[in-house]
Amino acid sequence: MNGNEFNSFLIRFSDQKIYLLLTHISLCLFLFTIGLSRVYIGVHSFNQILLGWCYGIIVLVLYLKHFKKRSHRILKIQAF
């Protein structure tokens, strides 16, 4: 499955919760295996991979908090 097929899959099934959940799980597993493969081939140590995962989670949480706060402001402005 190339990138175009995957994106069309996401757009087609994004309104159905089970497909959205399966997509999130598959993406998390994909990222997890990429990290482990980097340890396996000896490019990084496990501590570096773990730190990268933690950093990614922190950035994601901060982004989602900012996006949620901003979307509420936009919705209030559009309501008027």
Protein backbone atom coordinates (compact mmCIF):
# COMPACT_ATOMS: atom_id res chain seq x y z
CA MET A 1 0.00 0.00 0.00
CA ASN A 2 1.60 3.25 -1.07
CA GLY A 3 1.01 6.68 0.43
CA ASN A 4 -1.82 7.66 -1.92
CA GLU A 5 -3.78 4.50 -1.21
CA PHE A 6 -3.28 4.91 2.53
CA ASN A 7 -4.45 8.53 2.48
CA SER A 8 -7.54 7.65 0.46
CA PHE A 9 -8.23 4.83 2.93
CA LEU A 10 -8.04 7.31 5.81
CA ILE A 11 -10.36 9.77 4.10
CA ARG A 12 -12.88 7.08 3.15
CA PHE A 13 -13.14 5.44 6.56
CA SER A 14 -12.29 8.34 8.90
CA ASP A 15 -15.94 8.72 9.95
CA GLN A 16 -16.17 5.11 11.14
CA LYS A 17 -14.69 4.76 14.61
CA ILE A 18 -13.48 1.17 14.29
CA TYR A 19 -11.41 1.99 11.22
CA LEU A 20 -10.01 5.07 12.89
CA LEU A 21 -9.02 2.98 15.91
CA LEU A 22 -7.42 0.34 13.70
CA THR A 23 -5.53 3.04 11.82
CA HIS A 24 -4.17 4.51 15.05
CA ILE A 25 -3.12 1.09 16.33
CA SER A 26 -1.41 0.18 13.06
CA LEU A 27 0.46 3.50 12.93
CA CYS A 28 1.64 3.06 16.54
CA LEU A 29 2.86 -0.45 15.79
CA PHE A 30 4.60 0.80 12.67
CA LEU A 31 6.46 3.50 14.63
CA PHE A 32 7.31 1.02 17.38
CA THR A 33 8.85 -1.44 14.92
CA ILE A 34 10.85 1.32 13.22
CA GLY A 35 12.38 2.22 16.57
CA LEU A 36 13.21 -1.37 17.37
CA SER A 37 14.72 -1.92 13.94
CA ARG A 38 17.08 1.01 14.56
CA VAL A 39 18.30 -0.74 17.71
CA TYR A 40 18.59 -4.08 15.89
CA ILE A 41 20.81 -2.73 13.12
CA GLY A 42 22.94 -0.89 15.68
CA VAL A 43 22.33 2.68 14.59
CA HIS A 44 20.93 3.79 17.97
CA SER A 45 20.83 2.49 21.51
CA PHE A 46 17.55 1.64 23.21
CA ASN A 47 17.90 4.71 25.47
CA GLN A 48 18.02 6.98 22.43
CA ILE A 49 14.94 5.33 20.93
CA LEU A 50 13.05 5.57 24.21
CA LEU A 51 13.97 9.24 24.55
CA GLY A 52 12.80 9.89 20.98
CA TRP A 53 9.47 8.19 21.68
CA CYS A 54 9.00 10.25 24.87
CA TYR A 55 9.90 13.45 23.05
CA GLY A 56 7.41 12.62 20.29
CA ILE A 57 4.64 11.96 22.81
CA ILE A 58 5.32 15.26 24.60
CA VAL A 59 5.26 17.21 21.33
CA LEU A 60 2.04 15.46 20.29
CA VAL A 61 0.31 16.26 23.60
CA LEU A 62 1.35 19.91 23.45
CA TYR A 63 0.22 20.19 19.84
CA LEU A 64 -3.16 18.62 20.59
CA LYS A 65 -3.72 20.93 23.57
CA HIS A 66 -2.88 23.96 21.43
CA PHE A 67 -5.04 22.75 18.54
CA LYS A 68 -7.99 22.02 20.84
CA LYS A 69 -7.75 25.44 22.45
CA ARG A 70 -7.46 27.15 19.08
CA SER A 71 -10.35 25.22 17.51
CA HIS A 72 -12.68 26.34 20.32
CA ARG A 73 -11.72 29.95 19.64
CA ILE A 74 -12.34 29.55 15.92
CA LEU A 75 -15.72 27.96 16.54
CA LYS A 76 -16.72 30.83 18.84
CA ILE A 77 -15.70 33.39 16.23
CA GLN A 78 -17.62 31.60 13.47
CA ALA A 79 -20.74 31.38 15.65
CA PHE A 80 -21.13 35.17 15.62
